[in-house]
Amino acid sequence: MLFVESQNQPSDDPLLLWLTGGPGCSGLFALFTEIGPYFITANGSGLIENPYSWTKAVNLLIFESPIGVG
């Protein structure tokens, strides 16, 4: 399970539960390639800000399923 706090107003923003489709696909993939606050750079050496991150509006809770994929 992963939690990423909202970048806006965490105490007022809703909580979004993210379940990556699969089975066997880690929620980390979505976090670092789709919806999280940062992307992994193409060469894998660092992070860049995601201007479209869902955490600009919500607190994000990511569950790994099935157990052991993440």
Protein backbone atom coordinates (compact mmCIF):
# COMPACT_ATOMS: atom_id res chain seq x y z
CA MET A 1 0.00 0.00 0.00
CA LEU A 2 1.27 3.48 -0.91
CA PHE A 3 -0.01 6.89 0.18
CA VAL A 4 0.73 10.20 -1.55
CA GLU A 5 -0.58 13.34 0.10
CA SER A 6 -2.39 15.98 -1.93
CA GLN A 7 -0.28 18.93 -3.04
CA ASN A 8 -3.29 21.21 -2.58
CA GLN A 9 -5.17 21.02 0.74
CA PRO A 10 -4.64 17.49 2.10
CA SER A 11 -7.03 17.87 5.03
CA ASP A 12 -9.87 19.01 2.73
CA ASP A 13 -9.15 17.11 -0.49
CA PRO A 14 -10.82 13.72 -1.11
CA LEU A 15 -9.08 10.37 -0.82
CA LEU A 16 -8.82 8.43 -4.08
CA LEU A 17 -8.30 4.65 -3.95
CA TRP A 18 -6.28 3.40 -6.94
CA LEU A 19 -6.34 -0.26 -7.96
CA THR A 20 -4.14 -0.86 -10.99
CA GLY A 21 -5.59 -3.33 -13.49
CA GLY A 22 -3.89 -6.63 -13.80
CA PRO A 23 -3.43 -9.01 -12.19
CA GLY A 24 0.25 -8.63 -11.49
CA CYS A 25 0.72 -4.98 -12.46
CA SER A 26 2.24 -2.91 -9.67
CA GLY A 27 0.65 0.36 -8.59
CA LEU A 28 4.15 1.83 -8.69
CA PHE A 29 3.92 1.73 -12.48
CA ALA A 30 0.88 4.04 -12.43
CA LEU A 31 2.45 6.22 -9.73
CA PHE A 32 5.61 6.92 -11.75
CA THR A 33 4.21 6.85 -15.31
CA GLU A 34 0.64 8.17 -15.11
CA ILE A 35 -0.90 9.79 -12.03
CA GLY A 36 1.81 10.53 -9.46
CA PRO A 37 3.54 13.83 -8.70
CA TYR A 38 6.76 12.76 -10.49
CA PHE A 39 7.80 10.81 -13.57
CA ILE A 40 10.98 8.76 -13.78
CA THR A 41 13.29 10.25 -16.42
CA ALA A 42 13.79 8.33 -19.66
CA ASN A 43 17.30 7.22 -18.66
CA GLY A 44 16.10 6.27 -15.16
CA SER A 45 18.54 8.57 -13.39
CA GLY A 46 16.09 10.98 -11.78
CA LEU A 47 12.62 12.42 -11.42
CA ILE A 48 10.75 15.23 -13.16
CA GLU A 49 7.57 16.90 -12.00
CA ASN A 50 4.29 15.70 -13.50
CA PRO A 51 2.25 18.85 -14.25
CA TYR A 52 -0.93 16.74 -14.55
CA SER A 53 -0.57 14.76 -11.32
CA TRP A 54 -3.81 13.70 -9.71
CA THR A 55 -2.26 14.64 -6.37
CA LYS A 56 -2.84 18.28 -7.26
CA ALA A 57 -6.48 17.62 -6.30
CA VAL A 58 -6.67 14.39 -4.24
CA ASN A 59 -4.90 12.31 -1.61
CA LEU A 60 -3.88 9.11 -3.34
CA LEU A 61 -3.99 5.63 -1.79
CA ILE A 62 -2.60 2.87 -4.01
CA PHE A 63 -3.28 -0.79 -3.19
CA GLU A 64 -1.15 -3.55 -4.66
CA SER A 65 -3.12 -6.58 -5.80
CA PRO A 66 -2.64 -9.41 -5.67
CA ILE A 67 -0.36 -9.36 -2.63
CA GLY A 68 3.30 -9.47 -3.58
CA VAL A 69 3.25 -7.68 -6.93
CA GLY A 70 4.79 -4.37 -5.77
